[in-house]
PDB file of N, CA and C in Angstrom:
ATOM      1  N   UNK A   1     117.981 111.997  78.797  1.00  0.00           N
ATOM      2  CA  UNK A   1     117.124 111.546  77.934  1.00  0.00           C
ATOM      3  C   UNK A   1     117.932 110.570  77.173  1.00  0.00           C
ATOM      4  N   UNK A   2     118.355 110.735  76.171  1.00  0.00           N
ATOM      5  CA  UNK A   2     119.192 109.913  75.677  1.00  0.00           C
ATOM      6  C   UNK A   2     120.087 109.052  76.633  1.00  0.00           C
ATOM      7  N   UNK A   3     120.605 108.595  76.882  1.00  0.00           N
ATOM      8  CA  UNK A   3     121.091 107.983  78.091  1.00  0.00           C
ATOM      9  C   UNK A   3     120.194 107.055  78.682  1.00  0.00           C
ATOM     10  N   UNK A   4     118.634 107.205  78.810  1.00  0.00           N
ATOM     11  CA  UNK A   4     117.255 105.984  79.353  1.00  0.00           C
ATOM     12  C   UNK A   4     117.447 105.517  78.416  1.00  0.00           C
ATOM     13  N   UNK A   5     117.035 105.863  76.909  1.00  0.00           N
ATOM     14  CA  UNK A   5     116.932 105.441  75.657  1.00  0.00           C
ATOM     15  C   UNK A   5     117.829 104.364  75.013  1.00  0.00           C
ATOM     16  N   UNK A   6     119.090 104.684  75.084  1.00  0.00           N
ATOM     17  CA  UNK A   6     120.357 103.617  74.787  1.00  0.00           C
ATOM     18  C   UNK A   6     120.136 102.913  75.041  1.00  0.00           C
ATOM     19  N   UNK A   7     120.284 102.572  77.046  1.00  0.00           N
ATOM     20  CA  UNK A   7     120.045 102.303  77.632  1.00  0.00           C
ATOM     21  C   UNK A   7     119.023 101.103  78.111  1.00  0.00           C
ATOM     22  N   UNK A   8     117.934 101.553  77.283  1.00  0.00           N
ATOM     23  CA  UNK A   8     116.667 100.836  77.657  1.00  0.00           C
ATOM     24  C   UNK A   8     117.367 100.155  76.442  1.00  0.00           C
ATOM     25  N   UNK A   9     116.930  99.795  74.725  1.00  0.00           N
ATOM     26  CA  UNK A   9     117.537  99.225  73.737  1.00  0.00           C
ATOM     27  C   UNK A   9     118.350  98.928  73.936  1.00  0.00           C
ATOM     28  N   UNK A  10     119.426  98.850  75.009  1.00  0.00           N
ATOM     29  CA  UNK A  10     121.150  97.573  75.228  1.00  0.00           C
ATOM     30  C   UNK A  10     120.658  96.526  76.081  1.00  0.00           C
ATOM     31  N   UNK A  11     119.957  97.053  77.171  1.00  0.00           N
ATOM     32  CA  UNK A  11     119.446  95.840  78.273  1.00  0.00           C
ATOM     33  C   UNK A  11     117.728  95.640  78.257  1.00  0.00           C
ATOM     34  N   UNK A  12     117.050  95.321  77.465  1.00  0.00           N
ATOM     35  CA  UNK A  12     115.241  95.737  77.494  1.00  0.00           C
ATOM     36  C   UNK A  12     115.037  94.383  78.840  1.00  0.00           C
ATOM     37  N   UNK A  13     113.911  94.252  79.008  1.00  0.00           N
ATOM     38  CA  UNK A  13     113.403  93.601  80.164  1.00  0.00           C
ATOM     39  C   UNK A  13     112.466  92.220  79.844  1.00  0.00           C
ATOM     40  N   UNK A  14     112.440  91.543  80.669  1.00  0.00           N
ATOM     41  CA  UNK A  14     112.130  90.139  80.259  1.00  0.00           C
ATOM     42  C   UNK A  14     111.064  89.688  80.866  1.00  0.00           C
ATOM     43  N   UNK A  15     110.013  89.447  80.332  1.00  0.00           N
ATOM     44  CA  UNK A  15     109.161  89.017  81.865  1.00  0.00           C
ATOM     45  C   UNK A  15     109.503  88.324  82.422  1.00  0.00           C
ATOM     46  N   UNK A  16     110.262  87.072  83.069  1.00  0.00           N
ATOM     47  CA  UNK A  16     110.587  86.994  84.375  1.00  0.00           C
ATOM     48  C   UNK A  16     111.542  87.910  84.744  1.00  0.00           C
ATOM     49  N   UNK A  17     112.067  88.780  84.317  1.00  0.00           N
ATOM     50  CA  UNK A  17     113.146  90.624  85.099  1.00  0.00           C
ATOM     51  C   UNK A  17     111.350  90.812  85.920  1.00  0.00           C
ATOM     52  N   UNK A  18     110.657  91.447  85.203  1.00  0.00           N
ATOM     53  CA  UNK A  18     109.425  92.231  85.564  1.00  0.00           C
ATOM     54  C   UNK A  18     108.600  91.606  86.677  1.00  0.00           C
ATOM     55  N   UNK A  19     108.879  90.244  86.793  1.00  0.00           N
ATOM     56  CA  UNK A  19     107.891  89.081  87.854  1.00  0.00           C
ATOM     57  C   UNK A  19     108.701  89.532  88.782  1.00  0.00           C
ATOM     58  N   UNK A  20     110.064  88.868  88.635  1.00  0.00           N
ATOM     59  CA  UNK A  20     110.878  89.327  89.791  1.00  0.00           C
ATOM     60  C   UNK A  20     110.581  90.909  90.489  1.00  0.00           C
ATOM     61  N   UNK A  21     110.807  92.151  89.459  1.00  0.00           N
ATOM     62  CA  UNK A  21     111.156  93.084  90.225  1.00  0.00           C
ATOM     63  C   UNK A  21     109.456  93.187  90.774  1.00  0.00           C
ATOM     64  N   UNK A  22     108.160  93.338  90.372  1.00  0.00           N
ATOM     65  CA  UNK A  22     107.138  92.778  91.071  1.00  0.00           C
ATOM     66  C   UNK A  22     107.447  92.274  92.173  1.00  0.00           C
ATOM     67  N   UNK A  23     108.014  91.380  92.483  1.00  0.00           N
ATOM     68  CA  UNK A  23     107.710  90.320  93.842  1.00  0.00           C
ATOM     69  C   UNK A  23     108.611  91.190  94.389  1.00  0.00           C
ATOM     70  N   UNK A  24     109.757  91.814  94.136  1.00  0.00           N
ATOM     71  CA  UNK A  24     110.058  92.113  95.583  1.00  0.00           C
ATOM     72  C   UNK A  24     110.175  93.567  94.885  1.00  0.00           C
ATOM     73  N   UNK A  25     109.412  94.181  94.961  1.00  0.00           N
ATOM     74  CA  UNK A  25     108.865  95.512  94.805  1.00  0.00           C
ATOM     75  C   UNK A  25     107.941  95.606  96.490  1.00  0.00           C
ATOM     76  N   UNK A  26     106.902  94.328  95.904  1.00  0.00           N
ATOM     77  CA  UNK A  26     106.182  94.654  96.609  1.00  0.00           C
ATOM     78  C   UNK A  26     106.666  93.738  98.610  1.00  0.00           C
ATOM     79  N   UNK A  27     107.747  93.468  98.034  1.00  0.00           N
ATOM     80  CA  UNK A  27     108.314  92.691  99.385  1.00  0.00           C
ATOM     81  C   UNK A  27     109.184  93.805 100.471  1.00  0.00           C
ATOM     82  N   UNK A  28     109.951  94.894  99.678  1.00  0.00           N
ATOM     83  CA  UNK A  28     110.964  95.634 100.041  1.00  0.00           C
ATOM     84  C   UNK A  28     110.582  97.281  98.921  1.00  0.00           C
ATOM     85  N   UNK A  29     109.452  97.676  99.138  1.00  0.00           N
ATOM     86  CA  UNK A  29     109.090  98.800  98.492  1.00  0.00           C
ATOM     87  C   UNK A  29     109.789 100.130  98.523  1.00  0.00           C
ATOM     88  N   UNK A  30     110.229 100.659  97.240  1.00  0.00           N
ATOM     89  CA  UNK A  30     111.300 101.448  97.225  1.00  0.00           C
ATOM     90  C   UNK A  30     112.464 101.568  97.812  1.00  0.00           C
ATOM     91  N   UNK A  31     113.151 100.158  97.450  1.00  0.00           N
ATOM     92  CA  UNK A  31     114.546  99.288  98.403  1.00  0.00           C
ATOM     93  C   UNK A  31     114.914  99.242  96.968  1.00  0.00           C
ATOM     94  N   UNK A  32     115.584 100.159  96.165  1.00  0.00           N
ATOM     95  CA  UNK A  32     115.812  99.957  94.461  1.00  0.00           C
ATOM     96  C   UNK A  32     117.419  98.789  94.804  1.00  0.00           C
ATOM     97  N   UNK A  33     118.121  99.290  95.764  1.00  0.00           N
ATOM     98  CA  UNK A  33     119.117  98.371  95.890  1.00  0.00           C
ATOM     99  C   UNK A  33     119.080  96.762  95.873  1.00  0.00           C
ATOM    100  N   UNK A  34     118.259  96.500  97.327  1.00  0.00           N
ATOM    101  CA  UNK A  34     117.945  95.104  97.033  1.00  0.00           C
ATOM    102  C   UNK A  34     116.883  94.484  96.187  1.00  0.00           C
ATOM    103  N   UNK A  35     116.591  94.958  95.640  1.00  0.00           N
ATOM    104  CA  UNK A  35     115.948  94.508  94.271  1.00  0.00           C
ATOM    105  C   UNK A  35     116.489  94.409  92.782  1.00  0.00           C
ATOM    106  N   UNK A  36     117.347  95.525  92.476  1.00  0.00           N
ATOM    107  CA  UNK A  36     118.404  95.677  92.031  1.00  0.00           C
ATOM    108  C   UNK A  36     119.897  93.851  92.130  1.00  0.00           C
ATOM    109  N   UNK A  37     119.720  93.680  93.309  1.00  0.00           N
ATOM    110  CA  UNK A  37     120.802  92.384  93.944  1.00  0.00           C
ATOM    111  C   UNK A  37     120.042  91.387  93.313  1.00  0.00           C
ATOM    112  N   UNK A  38     119.136  91.715  93.685  1.00  0.00           N
ATOM    113  CA  UNK A  38     117.758  89.932  92.876  1.00  0.00           C
ATOM    114  C   UNK A  38     117.584  90.190  91.453  1.00  0.00           C
ATOM    115  N   UNK A  39     118.238  90.990  90.516  1.00  0.00           N
ATOM    116  CA  UNK A  39     118.016  90.477  89.502  1.00  0.00           C
ATOM    117  C   UNK A  39     119.548  90.860  89.067  1.00  0.00           C
ATOM    118  N   UNK A  40     120.511  90.170  88.102  1.00  0.00           N
ATOM    119  CA  UNK A  40     121.574  90.201  88.259  1.00  0.00           C
ATOM    120  C   UNK A  40     121.904  90.741  86.855  1.00  0.00           C
ATOM    121  N   UNK A  41     120.814  90.927  86.144  1.00  0.00           N
ATOM    122  CA  UNK A  41     120.873  92.029  84.498  1.00  0.00           C
ATOM    123  C   UNK A  41     120.449  93.584  84.379  1.00  0.00           C
ATOM    124  N   UNK A  42     120.506  93.722  85.691  1.00  0.00           N
ATOM    125  CA  UNK A  42     119.882  95.215  86.365  1.00  0.00           C
ATOM    126  C   UNK A  42     120.863  95.928  86.948  1.00  0.00           C
ATOM    127  N   UNK A  43     120.751  96.971  86.938  1.00  0.00           N
ATOM    128  CA  UNK A  43     121.363  98.377  87.778  1.00  0.00           C
ATOM    129  C   UNK A  43     120.346  98.157  88.843  1.00  0.00           C
ATOM    130  N   UNK A  44     120.583  99.805  90.019  1.00  0.00           N
ATOM    131  CA  UNK A  44     119.707 100.072  90.433  1.00  0.00           C
ATOM    132  C   UNK A  44     118.918 101.376  89.566  1.00  0.00           C
ATOM    133  N   UNK A  45     120.280 101.788  89.021  1.00  0.00           N
ATOM    134  CA  UNK A  45     119.345 102.675  88.000  1.00  0.00           C
ATOM    135  C   UNK A  45     118.489 102.380  86.620  1.00  0.00           C
ATOM    136  N   UNK A  46     118.508 100.936  86.499  1.00  0.00           N
ATOM    137  CA  UNK A  46     117.171 100.629  85.782  1.00  0.00           C
ATOM    138  C   UNK A  46     116.611 100.367  86.152  1.00  0.00           C
ATOM    139  N   UNK A  47     116.735  99.465  87.676  1.00  0.00           N
ATOM    140  CA  UNK A  47     115.028  99.060  88.441  1.00  0.00           C
ATOM    141  C   UNK A  47     114.554 101.536  88.839  1.00  0.00           C
ATOM    142  N   UNK A  48     115.173 101.984  88.923  1.00  0.00           N
ATOM    143  CA  UNK A  48     114.581 103.655  89.262  1.00  0.00           C
ATOM    144  C   UNK A  48     113.591 103.770  87.857  1.00  0.00           C
ATOM    145  N   UNK A  49     114.283 103.371  86.709  1.00  0.00           N
ATOM    146  CA  UNK A  49     113.462 103.803  85.395  1.00  0.00           C
ATOM    147  C   UNK A  49     112.093 102.960  85.434  1.00  0.00           C
ATOM    148  N   UNK A  50     112.959 101.417  85.348  1.00  0.00           N
ATOM    149  CA  UNK A  50     111.179 100.694  85.194  1.00  0.00           C
ATOM    150  C   UNK A  50     110.214 101.473  85.984  1.00  0.00           C
ATOM    151  N   UNK A  51     110.599 101.144  88.101  1.00  0.00           N
ATOM    152  CA  UNK A  51     109.434 102.070  88.332  1.00  0.00           C
ATOM    153  C   UNK A  51     109.053 102.917  88.258  1.00  0.00           C
ATOM    154  N   UNK A  52     109.866 103.982  87.683  1.00  0.00           N
ATOM    155  CA  UNK A  52     108.841 105.429  87.207  1.00  0.00           C
ATOM    156  C   UNK A  52     107.949 104.998  85.607  1.00  0.00           C
ATOM    157  N   UNK A  53     108.327 104.062  85.055  1.00  0.00           N
ATOM    158  CA  UNK A  53     108.059 104.228  83.692  1.00  0.00           C
ATOM    159  C   UNK A  53     106.707 103.870  83.535  1.00  0.00           C
ATOM    160  N   UNK A  54     106.712 102.680  84.809  1.00  0.00           N
ATOM    161  CA  UNK A  54     105.375 101.276  84.434  1.00  0.00           C
ATOM    162  C   UNK A  54     104.195 102.184  85.554  1.00  0.00           C
ATOM    163  N   UNK A  55     104.933 103.385  86.135  1.00  0.00           N
ATOM    164  CA  UNK A  55     103.994 103.847  87.237  1.00  0.00           C
ATOM    165  C   UNK A  55     102.580 104.114  87.165  1.00  0.00           C
ATOM    166  N   UNK A  56     102.802 104.898  85.851  1.00  0.00           N
ATOM    167  CA  UNK A  56     101.216 104.772  85.185  1.00  0.00           C
ATOM    168  C   UNK A  56     100.405 103.265  84.487  1.00  0.00           C
ATOM    169  N   UNK A  57     101.119 102.328  84.958  1.00  0.00           N
ATOM    170  CA  UNK A  57     100.494 100.970  84.744  1.00  0.00           C
ATOM    171  C   UNK A  57      99.677 100.687  85.478  1.00  0.00           C
ATOM    172  N   UNK A  58     101.165 100.220  86.560  1.00  0.00           N
ATOM    173  CA  UNK A  58     100.643  99.851  88.053  1.00  0.00           C
ATOM    174  C   UNK A  58     100.112 100.627  89.165  1.00  0.00           C
ATOM    175  N   UNK A  59      99.494 100.149  90.243  1.00  0.00           N
ATOM    176  CA  UNK A  59      99.547 100.488  90.899  1.00  0.00           C
ATOM    177  C   UNK A  59     100.184  99.588  92.026  1.00  0.00           C
ATOM    178  N   UNK A  60     101.123 100.375  92.279  1.00  0.00           N
ATOM    179  CA  UNK A  60     102.682  99.956  93.039  1.00  0.00           C
ATOM    180  C   UNK A  60     101.963  99.974  94.094  1.00  0.00           C
ATOM    181  N   UNK A  61     100.887 100.429  95.081  1.00  0.00           N
ATOM    182  CA  UNK A  61     100.731 100.221  96.399  1.00  0.00           C
ATOM    183  C   UNK A  61      99.391  99.529  96.649  1.00  0.00           C
ATOM    184  N   UNK A  62      98.487  99.310  96.119  1.00  0.00           N
ATOM    185  CA  UNK A  62      97.650  97.774  95.888  1.00  0.00           C
ATOM    186  C   UNK A  62      98.859  96.278  95.777  1.00  0.00           C
ATOM    187  N   UNK A  63      99.660  96.781  94.857  1.00  0.00           N
ATOM    188  CA  UNK A  63     100.575  95.509  94.725  1.00  0.00           C
ATOM    189  C   UNK A  63     101.296  95.254  96.032  1.00  0.00           C
ATOM    190  N   UNK A  64     101.614  96.105  96.686  1.00  0.00           N
ATOM    191  CA  UNK A  64     102.462  96.448  98.860  1.00  0.00           C
ATOM    192  C   UNK A  64     101.097  96.181  99.678  1.00  0.00           C
ATOM    193  N   UNK A  65     100.138  96.331  99.170  1.00  0.00           N
ATOM    194  CA  UNK A  65      99.215  96.410  99.792  1.00  0.00           C
ATOM    195  C   UNK A  65      98.466  94.254 100.190  1.00  0.00           C
ATOM    196  N   UNK A  66      98.778  94.422  98.802  1.00  0.00           N
ATOM    197  CA  UNK A  66      97.738  92.720  98.712  1.00  0.00           C
ATOM    198  C   UNK A  66      99.281  91.736  99.652  1.00  0.00           C
ATOM    199  N   UNK A  67     100.752  91.612  98.647  1.00  0.00           N
ATOM    200  CA  UNK A  67     101.371  91.209  98.789  1.00  0.00           C
ATOM    201  C   UNK A  67     101.357  91.418 100.958  1.00  0.00           C
ATOM    202  N   UNK A  68     101.163  91.947 101.733  1.00  0.00           N
ATOM    203  CA  UNK A  68     101.730  92.527 103.128  1.00  0.00           C
ATOM    204  C   UNK A  68     100.719  91.506 103.815  1.00  0.00           C
ATOM    205  N   UNK A  69      99.263  91.551 103.232  1.00  0.00           N
ATOM    206  CA  UNK A  69      98.329  90.782 103.181  1.00  0.00           C
ATOM    207  C   UNK A  69      98.313  89.650 103.043  1.00  0.00           C
ATOM    208  N   UNK A  70      99.110  88.979 102.364  1.00  0.00           N
ATOM    209  CA  UNK A  70      98.949  87.777 101.988  1.00  0.00           C
ATOM    210  C   UNK A  70     100.314  87.208 102.878  1.00  0.00           C
ATOM    211  N   UNK A  71     100.880  87.909 103.381  1.00  0.00           N
ATOM    212  CA  UNK A  71     101.716  87.829 104.441  1.00  0.00           C
ATOM    213  C   UNK A  71     102.024  86.998 105.902  1.00  0.00           C
ATOM    214  N   UNK A  72     100.953  87.906 105.821  1.00  0.00           N
ATOM    215  CA  UNK A  72     100.025  87.916 107.046  1.00  0.00           C
ATOM    216  C   UNK A  72      99.292  86.798 107.498  1.00  0.00           C
ATOM    217  N   UNK A  73      98.460  86.638 106.118  1.00  0.00           N
ATOM    218  CA  UNK A  73      98.109  84.678 106.244  1.00  0.00           C
ATOM    219  C   UNK A  73      98.445  83.704 106.163  1.00  0.00           C
ATOM    220  N   UNK A  74      99.713  84.356 105.217  1.00  0.00           N
ATOM    221  CA  UNK A  74     100.453  83.020 105.176  1.00  0.00           C
ATOM    222  C   UNK A  74     102.293  83.205 105.522  1.00  0.00           C
ATOM    223  N   UNK A  75     102.146  81.226 105.828  1.00  0.00           N
ATOM    224  CA  UNK A  75     102.925  81.252 106.612  1.00  0.00           C
ATOM    225  C   UNK A  75     104.055  80.316 105.726  1.00  0.00           C
ATOM    226  N   UNK A  76     103.754  80.269 104.118  1.00  0.00           N
ATOM    227  CA  UNK A  76     104.779  79.616 102.698  1.00  0.00           C
ATOM    228  C   UNK A  76     104.450  80.878 101.210  1.00  0.00           C
ATOM    229  N   UNK A  77     105.893  80.716 101.492  1.00  0.00           N
ATOM    230  CA  UNK A  77     105.590  81.777 100.114  1.00  0.00           C
ATOM    231  C   UNK A  77     105.206  81.710  99.011  1.00  0.00           C
ATOM    232  N   UNK A  78     104.517  82.327  98.321  1.00  0.00           N
ATOM    233  CA  UNK A  78     104.121  81.745  96.973  1.00  0.00           C
ATOM    234  C   UNK A  78     102.224  81.270  96.406  1.00  0.00           C
ATOM    235  N   UNK A  79     102.626  81.435  98.406  1.00  0.00           N
ATOM    236  CA  UNK A  79     100.737  80.496  98.103  1.00  0.00           C
ATOM    237  C   UNK A  79     100.022  81.878  99.564  1.00  0.00           C
ATOM    238  N   UNK A  80      99.777  83.273  99.208  1.00  0.00           N
ATOM    239  CA  UNK A  80      99.156  84.418  99.007  1.00  0.00           C
ATOM    240  C   UNK A  80      98.239  84.395  98.745  1.00  0.00           C
ATOM    241  N   UNK A  81      97.395  85.665  99.087  1.00  0.00           N
ATOM    242  CA  UNK A  81      96.654  86.067  97.529  1.00  0.00           C
ATOM    243  C   UNK A  81      97.005  86.932  96.397  1.00  0.00           C
ATOM    244  N   UNK A  82      98.085  87.506  96.823  1.00  0.00           N
ATOM    245  CA  UNK A  82      98.748  88.457  95.313  1.00  0.00           C
ATOM    246  C   UNK A  82      98.865  86.958  94.752  1.00  0.00           C
ATOM    247  N   UNK A  83      99.703  86.366  95.048  1.00  0.00           N
ATOM    248  CA  UNK A  83     100.043  85.345  94.160  1.00  0.00           C
ATOM    249  C   UNK A  83      99.746  84.599  93.509  1.00  0.00           C
ATOM    250  N   UNK A  84      98.237  84.160  94.069  1.00  0.00           N
ATOM    251  CA  UNK A  84      96.942  83.435  94.195  1.00  0.00           C
ATOM    252  C   UNK A  84      95.755  84.477  92.350  1.00  0.00           C
ATOM    253  N   UNK A  85      96.851  85.409  92.531  1.00  0.00           N
ATOM    254  CA  UNK A  85      96.369  86.507  91.602  1.00  0.00           C
ATOM    255  C   UNK A  85      96.473  87.299  90.580  1.00  0.00           C
ATOM    256  N   UNK A  86      97.612  86.631  90.416  1.00  0.00           N
ATOM    257  CA  UNK A  86      98.527  87.082  89.252  1.00  0.00           C
ATOM    258  C   UNK A  86      98.761  88.669  89.164  1.00  0.00           C
ATOM    259  N   UNK A  87      99.152  89.440  90.642  1.00  0.00           N
ATOM    260  CA  UNK A  87      99.431  90.666  90.548  1.00  0.00           C
ATOM    261  C   UNK A  87     100.636  91.035  90.087  1.00  0.00           C
ATOM    262  N   UNK A  88     101.698  89.716  90.462  1.00  0.00           N
ATOM    263  CA  UNK A  88     102.720  90.147  89.643  1.00  0.00           C
ATOM    264  C   UNK A  88     103.076  89.713  88.236  1.00  0.00           C
ATOM    265  N   UNK A  89     101.948  90.009  87.523  1.00  0.00           N
ATOM    266  CA  UNK A  89     102.211  89.688  86.328  1.00  0.00           C
ATOM    267  C   UNK A  89     101.965  91.003  85.852  1.00  0.00           C
ATOM    268  N   UNK A  90     103.059  91.149  84.574  1.00  0.00           N
ATOM    269  CA  UNK A  90     103.245  92.492  83.500  1.00  0.00           C
ATOM    270  C   UNK A  90     102.492  92.679  82.396  1.00  0.00           C
ATOM    271  N   UNK A  91     102.125  93.252  82.149  1.00  0.00           N
ATOM    272  CA  UNK A  91     102.118  92.842  80.193  1.00  0.00           C
ATOM    273  C   UNK A  91     101.231  91.725  79.672  1.00  0.00           C
ATOM    274  N   UNK A  92      99.886  91.518  80.679  1.00  0.00           N
ATOM    275  CA  UNK A  92      98.871  90.598  79.779  1.00  0.00           C
ATOM    276  C   UNK A  92      99.931  88.834  79.750  1.00  0.00           C
ATOM    277  N   UNK A  93     100.894  88.567  80.356  1.00  0.00           N
ATOM    278  CA  UNK A  93     101.528  87.646  80.356  1.00  0.00           C
ATOM    279  C   UNK A  93     100.903  86.612  82.070  1.00  0.00           C
ATOM    280  N   UNK A  94     100.428  85.585  82.153  1.00  0.00           N
ATOM    281  CA  UNK A  94     100.057  85.428  82.867  1.00  0.00           C
ATOM    282  C   UNK A  94      98.571  86.199  83.962  1.00  0.00           C
ATOM    283  N   UNK A  95      97.486  84.966  84.806  1.00  0.00           N
ATOM    284  CA  UNK A  95      96.446  85.746  85.050  1.00  0.00           C
ATOM    285  C   UNK A  95      96.488  86.978  86.037  1.00  0.00           C
ATOM    286  N   UNK A  96      95.680  87.284  86.199  1.00  0.00           N
ATOM    287  CA  UNK A  96      95.705  89.126  85.979  1.00  0.00           C
ATOM    288  C   UNK A  96      96.439  89.886  85.470  1.00  0.00           C
ATOM    289  N   UNK A  97      97.024  89.877  84.898  1.00  0.00           N
ATOM    290  CA  UNK A  97      98.719  90.904  84.196  1.00  0.00           C
ATOM    291  C   UNK A  97      97.517  91.640  83.062  1.00  0.00           C
ATOM    292  N   UNK A  98      97.950  92.647  82.702  1.00  0.00           N
ATOM    293  CA  UNK A  98      97.951  93.871  82.711  1.00  0.00           C
ATOM    294  C   UNK A  98      97.288  93.553  81.656  1.00  0.00           C
ATOM    295  N   UNK A  99      96.350  93.838  80.702  1.00  0.00           N
ATOM    296  CA  UNK A  99      95.312  93.284  79.637  1.00  0.00           C
ATOM    297  C   UNK A  99      94.881  91.699  79.711  1.00  0.00           C
ATOM    298  N   UNK A 100      94.953  91.589  80.888  1.00  0.00           N
ATOM    299  CA  UNK A 100      93.953  90.170  80.649  1.00  0.00           C
ATOM    300  C   UNK A 100      92.847  90.080  82.204  1.00  0.00           C
ATOM    301  N   UNK A 101      91.941  90.022  82.364  1.00  0.00           N
ATOM    302  CA  UNK A 101      90.654  89.929  83.077  1.00  0.00           C
ATOM    303  C   UNK A 101      91.204  88.964  84.406  1.00  0.00           C
ATOM    304  N   UNK A 102      91.365  89.366  86.032  1.00  0.00           N
ATOM    305  CA  UNK A 102      91.432  88.596  86.079  1.00  0.00           C
ATOM    306  C   UNK A 102      90.331  88.039  87.117  1.00  0.00           C
ATOM    307  N   UNK A 103      90.423  87.311  88.331  1.00  0.00           N
ATOM    308  CA  UNK A 103      90.016  86.171  88.169  1.00  0.00           C
ATOM    309  C   UNK A 103      88.313  87.092  89.385  1.00  0.00           C
ATOM    310  N   UNK A 104      87.164  86.427  88.438  1.00  0.00           N
ATOM    311  CA  UNK A 104      85.916  86.815  89.201  1.00  0.00           C
ATOM    312  C   UNK A 104      85.532  88.409  88.311  1.00  0.00           C
ATOM    313  N   UNK A 105      86.488  88.407  87.007  1.00  0.00           N
ATOM    314  CA  UNK A 105      86.168  89.912  86.343  1.00  0.00           C
ATOM    315  C   UNK A 105      85.642  89.326  85.193  1.00  0.00           C
ATOM    316  N   UNK A 106      85.054  90.044  84.022  1.00  0.00           N
ATOM    317  CA  UNK A 106      84.567  89.305  82.986  1.00  0.00           C
ATOM    318  C   UNK A 106      85.278  89.855  82.118  1.00  0.00           C
ATOM    319  N   UNK A 107      85.485  89.411  80.734  1.00  0.00           N
ATOM    320  CA  UNK A 107      85.762  89.805  79.512  1.00  0.00           C
ATOM    321  C   UNK A 107      85.103  90.558  78.565  1.00  0.00           C
ATOM    322  N   UNK A 108      84.946  91.162  77.780  1.00  0.00           N
ATOM    323  CA  UNK A 108      83.520  92.311  77.156  1.00  0.00           C
ATOM    324  C   UNK A 108      83.466  91.300  76.313  1.00  0.00           C
ATOM    325  N   UNK A 109      84.672  90.723  76.115  1.00  0.00           N
ATOM    326  CA  UNK A 109      84.210  89.055  74.916  1.00  0.00           C
ATOM    327  C   UNK A 109      83.239  88.149  75.230  1.00  0.00           C
ATOM    328  N   UNK A 110      83.170  87.528  76.313  1.00  0.00           N
ATOM    329  CA  UNK A 110      82.595  86.742  76.830  1.00  0.00           C
ATOM    330  C   UNK A 110      81.207  86.948  77.240  1.00  0.00           C
ATOM    331  N   UNK A 111      80.128  86.321  77.001  1.00  0.00           N
ATOM    332  CA  UNK A 111      78.830  86.725  76.926  1.00  0.00           C
ATOM    333  C   UNK A 111      78.972  85.689  78.149  1.00  0.00           C
TER     334      UNK A 111
END
C-alpha cells in the first residue's frame, strides 16, 4: 500500500492521460499492457492501479458497450456516439464527464 501511495505522488495522472486511458480501455478492455504502451509516462502497474481506483466512479462496462456500438456504426475514429457524448471524460472536464450533466440531462441548478 505504501508503494502505491508513493507511486501516485511521484507520477500523477493528467487529464489527457486519463482520457487516453479510457479511449484505449474501451478499445482493449483489460489489456493493460496495450493501454500502457499508448501512455508514455505510465507503467502497466500504474494503469492497473488507476483502473481499480477509478472503478467505483466509472462504469467501465458501459464505456466498452458504447465504444463497441460507436465502432459498429462508424468507420471514422472519434465520430461515434461514445466520443460525441463525452464518455471519455474524467473528472468533470469535457461534456458528460463526472460532475457535469451529459447531453439530454438537466442540472439541478438549471430551471
